[in-house]
All heavy atoms as atom14 arrays in JSON, in Angstrom:
{
  "sequence": "GNVFAIITPRQVDRGALMSRYSRTDKSMRRIFLDEFLKNKNRGE",
  "atom14_mask": [
    [1, 1, 1, 1, 0, 0, 0, 0, 0, 0, 0, 0, 0, 0],
    [1, 1, 1, 1, 1, 1, 1, 1, 0, 0, 0, 0, 0, 0],
    [1, 1, 1, 1, 1, 1, 1, 0, 0, 0, 0, 0, 0, 0],
    [1, 1, 1, 1, 1, 1, 1, 1, 1, 1, 1, 0, 0, 0],
    [1, 1, 1, 1, 1, 0, 0, 0, 0, 0, 0, 0, 0, 0],
    [1, 1, 1, 1, 1, 1, 1, 1, 0, 0, 0, 0, 0, 0],
    [1, 1, 1, 1, 1, 1, 1, 1, 0, 0, 0, 0, 0, 0],
    [1, 1, 1, 1, 1, 1, 1, 0, 0, 0, 0, 0, 0, 0],
    [1, 1, 1, 1, 1, 1, 1, 0, 0, 0, 0, 0, 0, 0],
    [1, 1, 1, 1, 1, 1, 1, 1, 1, 1, 1, 0, 0, 0],
    [1, 1, 1, 1, 1, 1, 1, 1, 1, 0, 0, 0, 0, 0],
    [1, 1, 1, 1, 1, 1, 1, 0, 0, 0, 0, 0, 0, 0],
    [1, 1, 1, 1, 1, 1, 1, 1, 0, 0, 0, 0, 0, 0],
    [1, 1, 1, 1, 1, 1, 1, 1, 1, 1, 1, 0, 0, 0],
    [1, 1, 1, 1, 0, 0, 0, 0, 0, 0, 0, 0, 0, 0],
    [1, 1, 1, 1, 1, 0, 0, 0, 0, 0, 0, 0, 0, 0],
    [1, 1, 1, 1, 1, 1, 1, 1, 0, 0, 0, 0, 0, 0],
    [1, 1, 1, 1, 1, 1, 1, 1, 0, 0, 0, 0, 0, 0],
    [1, 1, 1, 1, 1, 1, 0, 0, 0, 0, 0, 0, 0, 0],
    [1, 1, 1, 1, 1, 1, 1, 1, 1, 1, 1, 0, 0, 0],
    [1, 1, 1, 1, 1, 1, 1, 1, 1, 1, 1, 1, 0, 0],
    [1, 1, 1, 1, 1, 1, 0, 0, 0, 0, 0, 0, 0, 0],
    [1, 1, 1, 1, 1, 1, 1, 1, 1, 1, 1, 0, 0, 0],
    [1, 1, 1, 1, 1, 1, 1, 0, 0, 0, 0, 0, 0, 0],
    [1, 1, 1, 1, 1, 1, 1, 1, 0, 0, 0, 0, 0, 0],
    [1, 1, 1, 1, 1, 1, 1, 1, 1, 0, 0, 0, 0, 0],
    [1, 1, 1, 1, 1, 1, 0, 0, 0, 0, 0, 0, 0, 0],
    [1, 1, 1, 1, 1, 1, 1, 1, 0, 0, 0, 0, 0, 0],
    [1, 1, 1, 1, 1, 1, 1, 1, 1, 1, 1, 0, 0, 0],
    [1, 1, 1, 1, 1, 1, 1, 1, 1, 1, 1, 0, 0, 0],
    [1, 1, 1, 1, 1, 1, 1, 1, 0, 0, 0, 0, 0, 0],
    [1, 1, 1, 1, 1, 1, 1, 1, 1, 1, 1, 0, 0, 0],
    [1, 1, 1, 1, 1, 1, 1, 1, 0, 0, 0, 0, 0, 0],
    [1, 1, 1, 1, 1, 1, 1, 1, 0, 0, 0, 0, 0, 0],
    [1, 1, 1, 1, 1, 1, 1, 1, 1, 0, 0, 0, 0, 0],
    [1, 1, 1, 1, 1, 1, 1, 1, 1, 1, 1, 0, 0, 0],
    [1, 1, 1, 1, 1, 1, 1, 1, 0, 0, 0, 0, 0, 0],
    [1, 1, 1, 1, 1, 1, 1, 1, 1, 0, 0, 0, 0, 0],
    [1, 1, 1, 1, 1, 1, 1, 1, 0, 0, 0, 0, 0, 0],
    [1, 1, 1, 1, 1, 1, 1, 1, 1, 0, 0, 0, 0, 0],
    [1, 1, 1, 1, 1, 1, 1, 1, 0, 0, 0, 0, 0, 0],
    [1, 1, 1, 1, 1, 1, 1, 1, 1, 1, 1, 0, 0, 0],
    [1, 1, 1, 1, 0, 0, 0, 0, 0, 0, 0, 0, 0, 0],
    [1, 1, 1, 1, 1, 1, 1, 1, 1, 0, 0, 0, 0, 0]
  ],
  "atom14_positions": [
    [[136.62, 102.31, 100.82], [136.19, 100.92, 100.85], [135.03, 100.63, 99.92], [134.28, 101.52, 99.53], [0.0, 0.0, 0.0], [0.0, 0.0, 0.0], [0.0, 0.0, 0.0], [0.0, 0.0, 0.0], [0.0, 0.0, 0.0], [0.0, 0.0, 0.0], [0.0, 0.0, 0.0], [0.0, 0.0, 0.0], [0.0, 0.0, 0.0], [0.0, 0.0, 0.0]],
    [[134.89, 99.35, 99.54], [133.78, 98.97, 98.67], [132.5, 98.67, 99.46], [131.46, 98.38, 98.88], [134.15, 97.78, 97.79], [134.35, 96.51, 98.6], [134.81, 96.56, 99.72], [133.98, 95.4, 98.01], [0.0, 0.0, 0.0], [0.0, 0.0, 0.0], [0.0, 0.0, 0.0], [0.0, 0.0, 0.0], [0.0, 0.0, 0.0], [0.0, 0.0, 0.0]],
    [[132.6, 98.72, 100.79], [131.43, 98.61, 101.67], [131.42, 99.85, 102.56], [132.41, 100.14, 103.21], [131.48, 97.32, 102.53], [130.27, 97.29, 103.46], [131.54, 96.08, 101.66], [0.0, 0.0, 0.0], [0.0, 0.0, 0.0], [0.0, 0.0, 0.0], [0.0, 0.0, 0.0], [0.0, 0.0, 0.0], [0.0, 0.0, 0.0], [0.0, 0.0, 0.0]],
    [[130.33, 100.57, 102.55], [130.26, 101.8, 103.35], [128.83, 102.11, 103.71], [127.87, 101.63, 103.1], [130.86, 102.98, 102.55], [130.3, 103.11, 101.15], [129.19, 103.92, 100.91], [130.9, 102.45, 100.08], [128.67, 104.03, 99.62], [130.39, 102.57, 98.78], [129.27, 103.37, 98.56], [0.0, 0.0, 0.0], [0.0, 0.0, 0.0], [0.0, 0.0, 0.0]],
    [[128.65, 102.9, 104.77], [127.32, 103.32, 105.22], [127.03, 104.73, 104.69], [127.93, 105.55, 104.59], [127.24, 103.31, 106.75], [0.0, 0.0, 0.0], [0.0, 0.0, 0.0], [0.0, 0.0, 0.0], [0.0, 0.0, 0.0], [0.0, 0.0, 0.0], [0.0, 0.0, 0.0], [0.0, 0.0, 0.0], [0.0, 0.0, 0.0], [0.0, 0.0, 0.0]],
    [[125.77, 104.96, 104.36], [125.35, 106.29, 103.92], [124.92, 107.05, 105.15], [123.96, 106.68, 105.83], [124.16, 106.2, 102.93], [124.48, 105.22, 101.81], [123.81, 107.58, 102.4], [123.27, 104.86, 100.96], [0.0, 0.0, 0.0], [0.0, 0.0, 0.0], [0.0, 0.0, 0.0], [0.0, 0.0, 0.0], [0.0, 0.0, 0.0], [0.0, 0.0, 0.0]],
    [[125.63, 108.12, 105.5], [125.33, 108.86, 106.71], [124.91, 110.3, 106.43], [124.78, 111.11, 107.36], [126.54, 108.85, 107.69], [127.76, 109.5, 107.03], [126.84, 107.43, 108.14], [128.95, 109.65, 107.98], [0.0, 0.0, 0.0], [0.0, 0.0, 0.0], [0.0, 0.0, 0.0], [0.0, 0.0, 0.0], [0.0, 0.0, 0.0], [0.0, 0.0, 0.0]],
    [[124.67, 110.61, 105.16], [124.21, 111.97, 104.84], [122.9, 112.23, 105.58], [122.05, 111.34, 105.67], [124.04, 112.13, 103.3], [123.87, 113.52, 103.01], [122.87, 111.34, 102.77], [0.0, 0.0, 0.0], [0.0, 0.0, 0.0], [0.0, 0.0, 0.0], [0.0, 0.0, 0.0], [0.0, 0.0, 0.0], [0.0, 0.0, 0.0], [0.0, 0.0, 0.0]],
    [[122.75, 113.39, 106.19], [121.66, 113.59, 107.16], [120.24, 113.52, 106.61], [119.36, 113.04, 107.3], [121.95, 114.99, 107.74], [122.86, 115.65, 106.76], [123.66, 114.56, 106.13], [0.0, 0.0, 0.0], [0.0, 0.0, 0.0], [0.0, 0.0, 0.0], [0.0, 0.0, 0.0], [0.0, 0.0, 0.0], [0.0, 0.0, 0.0], [0.0, 0.0, 0.0]],
    [[120.01, 113.94, 105.37], [118.64, 113.97, 104.88], [118.18, 112.6, 104.37], [118.81, 111.98, 103.51], [118.51, 115.01, 103.75], [118.77, 116.43, 104.19], [118.07, 117.46, 103.32], [118.09, 117.13, 101.9], [117.18, 117.62, 101.02], [116.25, 118.42, 101.46], [117.27, 117.32, 99.75], [0.0, 0.0, 0.0], [0.0, 0.0, 0.0], [0.0, 0.0, 0.0]],
    [[117.04, 112.12, 104.93], [116.5, 110.84, 104.53], [116.2, 110.79, 103.04], [116.47, 109.8, 102.38], [115.18, 110.58, 105.29], [115.29, 109.77, 106.54], [115.58, 108.31, 106.25], [115.68, 107.85, 105.13], [115.75, 107.56, 107.32], [0.0, 0.0, 0.0], [0.0, 0.0, 0.0], [0.0, 0.0, 0.0], [0.0, 0.0, 0.0], [0.0, 0.0, 0.0]],
    [[115.66, 111.88, 102.52], [115.28, 111.87, 101.12], [116.49, 111.69, 100.21], [116.43, 111.04, 99.17], [114.48, 113.14, 100.77], [115.38, 114.37, 100.78], [113.78, 113.0, 99.42], [0.0, 0.0, 0.0], [0.0, 0.0, 0.0], [0.0, 0.0, 0.0], [0.0, 0.0, 0.0], [0.0, 0.0, 0.0], [0.0, 0.0, 0.0], [0.0, 0.0, 0.0]],
    [[117.65, 112.25, 100.63], [118.86, 112.08, 99.85], [119.36, 110.64, 99.92], [119.86, 110.09, 98.93], [119.94, 113.05, 100.33], [119.67, 114.49, 99.91], [118.86, 114.67, 98.98], [120.24, 115.41, 100.52], [0.0, 0.0, 0.0], [0.0, 0.0, 0.0], [0.0, 0.0, 0.0], [0.0, 0.0, 0.0], [0.0, 0.0, 0.0], [0.0, 0.0, 0.0]],
    [[119.27, 110.05, 101.07], [119.71, 108.66, 101.21], [118.92, 107.75, 100.29], [119.47, 106.91, 99.56], [119.54, 108.18, 102.65], [120.41, 108.89, 103.67], [120.29, 108.21, 105.02], [120.85, 109.01, 106.1], [120.94, 108.6, 107.35], [120.53, 107.4, 107.68], [121.48, 109.37, 108.27], [0.0, 0.0, 0.0], [0.0, 0.0, 0.0], [0.0, 0.0, 0.0]],
    [[117.59, 107.9, 100.34], [116.74, 107.06, 99.51], [116.94, 107.32, 98.02], [117.02, 106.38, 97.22], [0.0, 0.0, 0.0], [0.0, 0.0, 0.0], [0.0, 0.0, 0.0], [0.0, 0.0, 0.0], [0.0, 0.0, 0.0], [0.0, 0.0, 0.0], [0.0, 0.0, 0.0], [0.0, 0.0, 0.0], [0.0, 0.0, 0.0], [0.0, 0.0, 0.0]],
    [[117.05, 108.6, 97.65], [117.23, 108.94, 96.25], [118.58, 108.43, 95.73], [118.67, 107.97, 94.59], [117.15, 110.46, 96.07], [0.0, 0.0, 0.0], [0.0, 0.0, 0.0], [0.0, 0.0, 0.0], [0.0, 0.0, 0.0], [0.0, 0.0, 0.0], [0.0, 0.0, 0.0], [0.0, 0.0, 0.0], [0.0, 0.0, 0.0], [0.0, 0.0, 0.0]],
    [[119.61, 108.5, 96.56], [120.92, 107.96, 96.17], [120.82, 106.47, 95.86], [121.36, 105.98, 94.88], [121.93, 108.2, 97.3], [122.7, 109.51, 97.29], [123.43, 109.7, 98.61], [123.7, 109.54, 96.13], [0.0, 0.0, 0.0], [0.0, 0.0, 0.0], [0.0, 0.0, 0.0], [0.0, 0.0, 0.0], [0.0, 0.0, 0.0], [0.0, 0.0, 0.0]],
    [[120.11, 105.74, 96.75], [119.97, 104.3, 96.55], [119.26, 104.0, 95.24], [119.64, 103.1, 94.5], [119.19, 103.7, 97.73], [119.9, 103.73, 99.06], [121.2, 102.46, 99.19], [120.18, 101.0, 99.44], [0.0, 0.0, 0.0], [0.0, 0.0, 0.0], [0.0, 0.0, 0.0], [0.0, 0.0, 0.0], [0.0, 0.0, 0.0], [0.0, 0.0, 0.0]],
    [[118.21, 104.77, 94.99], [117.44, 104.52, 93.78], [118.22, 104.94, 92.51], [118.25, 104.21, 91.52], [116.11, 105.29, 93.86], [115.32, 104.97, 92.74], [0.0, 0.0, 0.0], [0.0, 0.0, 0.0], [0.0, 0.0, 0.0], [0.0, 0.0, 0.0], [0.0, 0.0, 0.0], [0.0, 0.0, 0.0], [0.0, 0.0, 0.0], [0.0, 0.0, 0.0]],
    [[118.83, 106.1, 92.55], [119.61, 106.61, 91.42], [120.76, 105.65, 91.1], [121.14, 105.44, 89.93], [120.18, 108.01, 91.76], [121.04, 108.6, 90.67], [120.22, 109.12, 89.51], [121.05, 109.69, 88.48], [121.43, 109.05, 87.37], [121.01, 107.81, 87.15], [122.19, 109.64, 86.47], [0.0, 0.0, 0.0], [0.0, 0.0, 0.0], [0.0, 0.0, 0.0]],
    [[121.3, 105.04, 92.12], [122.41, 104.09, 92.05], [122.12, 102.94, 91.08], [123.0, 102.44, 90.4], [122.62, 103.56, 93.47], [123.9, 102.84, 93.76], [125.11, 103.23, 93.21], [123.88, 101.75, 94.64], [126.28, 102.56, 93.54], [125.04, 101.09, 94.98], [126.24, 101.49, 94.44], [127.4, 100.84, 94.76], [0.0, 0.0, 0.0], [0.0, 0.0, 0.0]],
    [[120.82, 102.54, 91.04], [120.45, 101.39, 90.21], [120.27, 101.77, 88.75], [120.04, 100.91, 87.9], [119.15, 100.79, 90.73], [118.06, 101.7, 90.54], [0.0, 0.0, 0.0], [0.0, 0.0, 0.0], [0.0, 0.0, 0.0], [0.0, 0.0, 0.0], [0.0, 0.0, 0.0], [0.0, 0.0, 0.0], [0.0, 0.0, 0.0], [0.0, 0.0, 0.0]],
    [[120.41, 103.09, 88.43], [120.13, 103.53, 87.06], [121.33, 104.21, 86.4], [121.18, 105.0, 85.48], [118.93, 104.46, 87.07], [117.68, 103.78, 87.61], [116.51, 104.72, 87.79], [115.38, 103.99, 88.36], [114.13, 104.06, 87.9], [113.86, 104.81, 86.84], [113.16, 103.4, 88.48], [0.0, 0.0, 0.0], [0.0, 0.0, 0.0], [0.0, 0.0, 0.0]],
    [[122.53, 103.93, 86.94], [123.73, 104.52, 86.36], [124.91, 103.61, 86.65], [124.86, 102.79, 87.56], [124.01, 105.93, 86.95], [125.22, 106.44, 86.42], [124.14, 105.88, 88.46], [0.0, 0.0, 0.0], [0.0, 0.0, 0.0], [0.0, 0.0, 0.0], [0.0, 0.0, 0.0], [0.0, 0.0, 0.0], [0.0, 0.0, 0.0], [0.0, 0.0, 0.0]],
    [[126.0, 103.78, 85.88], [127.2, 102.99, 86.14], [128.2, 103.74, 87.04], [129.3, 103.27, 87.29], [127.87, 102.56, 84.85], [128.27, 103.75, 83.98], [128.03, 104.9, 84.4], [128.8, 103.51, 82.87], [0.0, 0.0, 0.0], [0.0, 0.0, 0.0], [0.0, 0.0, 0.0], [0.0, 0.0, 0.0], [0.0, 0.0, 0.0], [0.0, 0.0, 0.0]],
    [[127.8, 104.92, 87.52], [128.67, 105.65, 88.44], [128.63, 105.0, 89.83], [127.69, 104.34, 90.19], [128.17, 107.09, 88.59], [128.29, 108.0, 87.38], [127.79, 109.4, 87.75], [127.87, 110.32, 86.56], [127.36, 111.68, 86.94], [0.0, 0.0, 0.0], [0.0, 0.0, 0.0], [0.0, 0.0, 0.0], [0.0, 0.0, 0.0], [0.0, 0.0, 0.0]],
    [[129.7, 105.23, 90.6], [129.72, 104.81, 91.99], [128.8, 105.74, 92.77], [128.54, 106.88, 92.37], [131.12, 104.87, 92.57], [131.55, 106.21, 92.73], [0.0, 0.0, 0.0], [0.0, 0.0, 0.0], [0.0, 0.0, 0.0], [0.0, 0.0, 0.0], [0.0, 0.0, 0.0], [0.0, 0.0, 0.0], [0.0, 0.0, 0.0], [0.0, 0.0, 0.0]],
    [[128.29, 105.29, 93.91], [127.35, 106.08, 94.69], [127.98, 107.39, 95.16], [127.35, 108.47, 95.13], [126.79, 105.3, 95.87], [125.76, 106.11, 96.66], [125.07, 105.2, 98.07], [124.05, 104.01, 97.19], [0.0, 0.0, 0.0], [0.0, 0.0, 0.0], [0.0, 0.0, 0.0], [0.0, 0.0, 0.0], [0.0, 0.0, 0.0], [0.0, 0.0, 0.0]],
    [[129.2, 107.31, 95.64], [129.84, 108.52, 96.14], [130.08, 109.54, 95.01], [130.0, 110.75, 95.22], [131.13, 108.16, 96.88], [130.87, 107.47, 98.21], [132.09, 106.87, 98.86], [132.63, 105.74, 98.11], [133.31, 104.72, 98.65], [133.54, 104.71, 99.97], [133.8, 103.76, 97.93], [0.0, 0.0, 0.0], [0.0, 0.0, 0.0], [0.0, 0.0, 0.0]],
    [[130.35, 109.04, 93.81], [130.49, 109.94, 92.68], [129.16, 110.59, 92.31], [129.1, 111.77, 91.97], [131.08, 109.16, 91.48], [131.2, 109.95, 90.18], [131.95, 111.26, 90.37], [133.33, 111.04, 90.81], [134.11, 112.02, 91.26], [133.64, 113.26, 91.36], [135.35, 111.77, 91.64], [0.0, 0.0, 0.0], [0.0, 0.0, 0.0], [0.0, 0.0, 0.0]],
    [[128.07, 109.79, 92.38], [126.73, 110.36, 92.12], [126.47, 111.5, 93.07], [125.95, 112.56, 92.69], [125.64, 109.27, 92.32], [125.78, 108.17, 91.26], [124.24, 109.89, 92.24], [124.88, 106.97, 91.52], [0.0, 0.0, 0.0], [0.0, 0.0, 0.0], [0.0, 0.0, 0.0], [0.0, 0.0, 0.0], [0.0, 0.0, 0.0], [0.0, 0.0, 0.0]],
    [[126.82, 111.3, 94.34], [126.57, 112.33, 95.35], [127.32, 113.61, 94.99], [126.76, 114.71, 95.04], [127.0, 111.82, 96.73], [126.77, 112.84, 97.81], [125.51, 113.02, 98.38], [127.81, 113.65, 98.25], [125.29, 113.99, 99.37], [127.61, 114.6, 99.24], [126.34, 114.76, 99.8], [0.0, 0.0, 0.0], [0.0, 0.0, 0.0], [0.0, 0.0, 0.0]],
    [[128.6, 113.48, 94.65], [129.39, 114.65, 94.33], [128.9, 115.35, 93.07], [128.81, 116.59, 93.02], [130.86, 114.24, 94.14], [131.61, 113.8, 95.4], [132.96, 113.19, 95.03], [131.78, 114.95, 96.37], [0.0, 0.0, 0.0], [0.0, 0.0, 0.0], [0.0, 0.0, 0.0], [0.0, 0.0, 0.0], [0.0, 0.0, 0.0], [0.0, 0.0, 0.0]],
    [[128.52, 114.56, 92.06], [128.14, 115.15, 90.78], [126.72, 115.69, 90.74], [126.45, 116.73, 90.11], [128.28, 114.11, 89.67], [129.75, 113.73, 89.39], [130.62, 114.4, 89.96], [129.98, 112.77, 88.65], [0.0, 0.0, 0.0], [0.0, 0.0, 0.0], [0.0, 0.0, 0.0], [0.0, 0.0, 0.0], [0.0, 0.0, 0.0], [0.0, 0.0, 0.0]],
    [[125.82, 115.0, 91.44], [124.4, 115.31, 91.25], [123.66, 115.85, 92.49], [122.63, 116.51, 92.33], [123.67, 114.06, 90.75], [124.24, 113.5, 89.47], [123.53, 112.25, 88.98], [122.35, 112.02, 89.42], [124.12, 111.49, 88.2], [0.0, 0.0, 0.0], [0.0, 0.0, 0.0], [0.0, 0.0, 0.0], [0.0, 0.0, 0.0], [0.0, 0.0, 0.0]],
    [[124.18, 115.56, 93.68], [123.43, 115.91, 94.88], [124.05, 117.04, 95.68], [123.34, 117.8, 96.33], [123.31, 114.7, 95.81], [122.29, 113.68, 95.36], [122.57, 112.83, 94.31], [121.06, 113.6, 95.98], [121.64, 111.9, 93.89], [120.11, 112.68, 95.55], [120.41, 111.83, 94.51], [0.0, 0.0, 0.0], [0.0, 0.0, 0.0], [0.0, 0.0, 0.0]],
    [[125.34, 117.18, 95.63], [126.05, 118.12, 96.53], [125.57, 119.56, 96.32], [125.26, 120.27, 97.29], [127.55, 118.0, 96.31], [128.42, 118.82, 97.27], [128.17, 118.39, 98.71], [129.88, 118.66, 96.93], [0.0, 0.0, 0.0], [0.0, 0.0, 0.0], [0.0, 0.0, 0.0], [0.0, 0.0, 0.0], [0.0, 0.0, 0.0], [0.0, 0.0, 0.0]],
    [[125.51, 119.99, 95.08], [125.15, 121.39, 94.83], [123.64, 121.61, 94.75], [123.15, 122.69, 95.07], [125.82, 121.86, 93.52], [127.33, 121.95, 93.61], [127.94, 122.41, 92.3], [129.46, 122.47, 92.39], [130.07, 122.88, 91.12], [0.0, 0.0, 0.0], [0.0, 0.0, 0.0], [0.0, 0.0, 0.0], [0.0, 0.0, 0.0], [0.0, 0.0, 0.0]],
    [[122.91, 120.59, 94.33], [121.45, 120.72, 94.2], [120.79, 120.2, 95.46], [120.62, 119.0, 95.66], [120.97, 119.91, 92.98], [119.49, 120.13, 92.69], [118.79, 120.75, 93.49], [119.05, 119.63, 91.55], [0.0, 0.0, 0.0], [0.0, 0.0, 0.0], [0.0, 0.0, 0.0], [0.0, 0.0, 0.0], [0.0, 0.0, 0.0], [0.0, 0.0, 0.0]],
    [[120.42, 121.09, 96.34], [119.85, 120.7, 97.64], [118.51, 120.01, 97.52], [118.07, 119.3, 98.42], [119.71, 121.95, 98.54], [121.0, 122.66, 98.85], [121.99, 121.78, 99.56], [123.28, 122.52, 99.91], [124.27, 121.65, 100.55], [0.0, 0.0, 0.0], [0.0, 0.0, 0.0], [0.0, 0.0, 0.0], [0.0, 0.0, 0.0], [0.0, 0.0, 0.0]],
    [[117.81, 120.2, 96.4], [116.5, 119.6, 96.2], [116.53, 118.36, 95.3], [115.51, 117.88, 94.88], [115.53, 120.62, 95.58], [115.27, 121.79, 96.51], [115.12, 121.59, 97.72], [115.23, 123.0, 95.97], [0.0, 0.0, 0.0], [0.0, 0.0, 0.0], [0.0, 0.0, 0.0], [0.0, 0.0, 0.0], [0.0, 0.0, 0.0], [0.0, 0.0, 0.0]],
    [[117.76, 117.91, 95.03], [117.93, 116.76, 94.11], [117.11, 115.56, 94.57], [116.44, 114.91, 93.77], [119.39, 116.41, 93.98], [119.68, 115.15, 93.19], [119.3, 115.31, 91.7], [119.47, 114.06, 91.01], [119.26, 113.9, 89.73], [118.87, 114.89, 88.99], [119.42, 112.72, 89.15], [0.0, 0.0, 0.0], [0.0, 0.0, 0.0], [0.0, 0.0, 0.0]],
    [[117.2, 115.22, 95.87], [116.5, 114.05, 96.38], [115.01, 114.15, 96.17], [114.36, 113.22, 95.69], [0.0, 0.0, 0.0], [0.0, 0.0, 0.0], [0.0, 0.0, 0.0], [0.0, 0.0, 0.0], [0.0, 0.0, 0.0], [0.0, 0.0, 0.0], [0.0, 0.0, 0.0], [0.0, 0.0, 0.0], [0.0, 0.0, 0.0], [0.0, 0.0, 0.0]],
    [[114.42, 115.3, 96.52], [112.99, 115.46, 96.38], [112.57, 115.47, 94.91], [111.54, 114.89, 94.54], [112.56, 116.76, 97.06], [112.66, 116.7, 98.58], [112.35, 118.02, 99.25], [111.93, 118.94, 98.53], [112.5, 118.11, 100.48], [0.0, 0.0, 0.0], [0.0, 0.0, 0.0], [0.0, 0.0, 0.0], [0.0, 0.0, 0.0], [0.0, 0.0, 0.0]]
  ]
}
């Protein structure tokens, strides 16, 4: 869906996803897969 809730457990990842979202043309879920999934410290 084009409307969805972010339920990833770490607060820092949720916030970083929202912020990163405004600086790329990728979809948020794609950002998560490409940039956050493997790098556990990405949000911080």
